[in-house]
């Protein structure tokens, strides 16, 4: 599983958008566009404070994240 660094993206926690810029998550699925806009699916259990499941991070395009080693 490859890791990605979020360059521009948000996740809703308790109804508020939280900026995730600079955070690193394991990638589950590449960028997709859904009914509410673009998103990338990552494993939230890898980072403290996030749900122990896959989460969708809202972002504009594939330029909103980058692969890291």
Protein backbone atom coordinates (compact mmCIF):
# COMPACT_ATOMS: atom_id res chain seq x y z
CA UNK A 1 0.00 0.00 0.00
CA UNK A 2 1.48 3.36 -0.95
CA UNK A 3 1.31 6.47 1.21
CA UNK A 4 0.17 9.90 0.06
CA UNK A 5 0.72 13.38 1.47
CA UNK A 6 -2.31 15.67 1.32
CA UNK A 7 -1.43 19.00 -0.31
CA UNK A 8 -4.98 20.35 -0.27
CA UNK A 9 -7.97 18.54 1.20
CA UNK A 10 -10.51 18.42 4.01
CA UNK A 11 -12.35 15.86 6.12
CA UNK A 12 -15.51 16.47 8.14
CA UNK A 13 -15.09 15.85 11.88
CA UNK A 14 -18.21 16.52 13.96
CA UNK A 15 -19.72 18.52 11.10
CA UNK A 16 -16.71 20.80 10.58
CA UNK A 17 -14.26 20.73 7.70
CA UNK A 18 -10.75 20.04 9.01
CA UNK A 19 -7.79 20.98 6.78
CA UNK A 20 -5.46 17.99 6.32
CA UNK A 21 -2.62 19.73 4.48
CA UNK A 22 0.70 17.98 5.11
CA UNK A 23 -0.78 14.80 6.65
CA UNK A 24 0.29 11.38 5.34
CA UNK A 25 -2.18 8.50 4.92
CA UNK A 26 -2.07 5.05 3.25
CA UNK A 27 -3.93 5.26 -0.08
CA UNK A 28 -6.89 2.89 -0.54
CA UNK A 29 -8.41 4.25 -3.79
CA UNK A 30 -7.25 6.94 -6.19
CA UNK A 31 -9.14 10.16 -6.90
CA UNK A 32 -12.81 9.83 -7.88
CA UNK A 33 -15.70 12.22 -8.41
CA UNK A 34 -18.93 11.55 -6.54
CA UNK A 35 -22.21 13.37 -5.93
CA UNK A 36 -20.55 15.81 -3.50
CA UNK A 37 -17.42 16.43 -5.58
CA UNK A 38 -13.95 14.91 -5.78
CA UNK A 39 -12.37 12.74 -3.12
CA UNK A 40 -9.58 10.28 -2.40
CA UNK A 41 -10.08 7.25 -0.13
CA UNK A 42 -7.45 6.60 2.56
CA UNK A 43 -7.01 4.39 5.64
CA UNK A 44 -7.93 6.56 8.65
CA UNK A 45 -6.70 4.01 11.23
CA UNK A 46 -3.07 4.81 10.34
CA UNK A 47 -3.30 8.31 11.89
CA UNK A 48 -4.26 9.01 15.51
CA UNK A 49 -7.53 10.89 15.94
CA UNK A 50 -9.18 9.50 12.81
CA UNK A 51 -11.73 6.64 12.57
CA UNK A 52 -10.37 3.10 12.33
CA UNK A 53 -11.81 2.65 8.83
CA UNK A 54 -11.47 3.96 5.29
CA UNK A 55 -12.27 7.67 5.02
CA UNK A 56 -12.88 9.98 2.06
CA UNK A 57 -10.85 13.18 1.93
CA UNK A 58 -12.49 15.90 -0.15
CA UNK A 59 -10.14 17.36 -2.77
CA UNK A 60 -10.32 19.01 -6.20
CA UNK A 61 -8.10 16.74 -8.33
CA UNK A 62 -5.15 14.36 -8.34
CA UNK A 63 -2.95 17.45 -7.89
CA UNK A 64 -4.28 17.75 -4.31
CA UNK A 65 -2.02 14.90 -3.08
CA UNK A 66 1.35 13.36 -3.85
CA UNK A 67 2.93 9.94 -3.38
CA UNK A 68 5.56 9.62 -0.64
CA UNK A 69 7.95 6.81 0.21
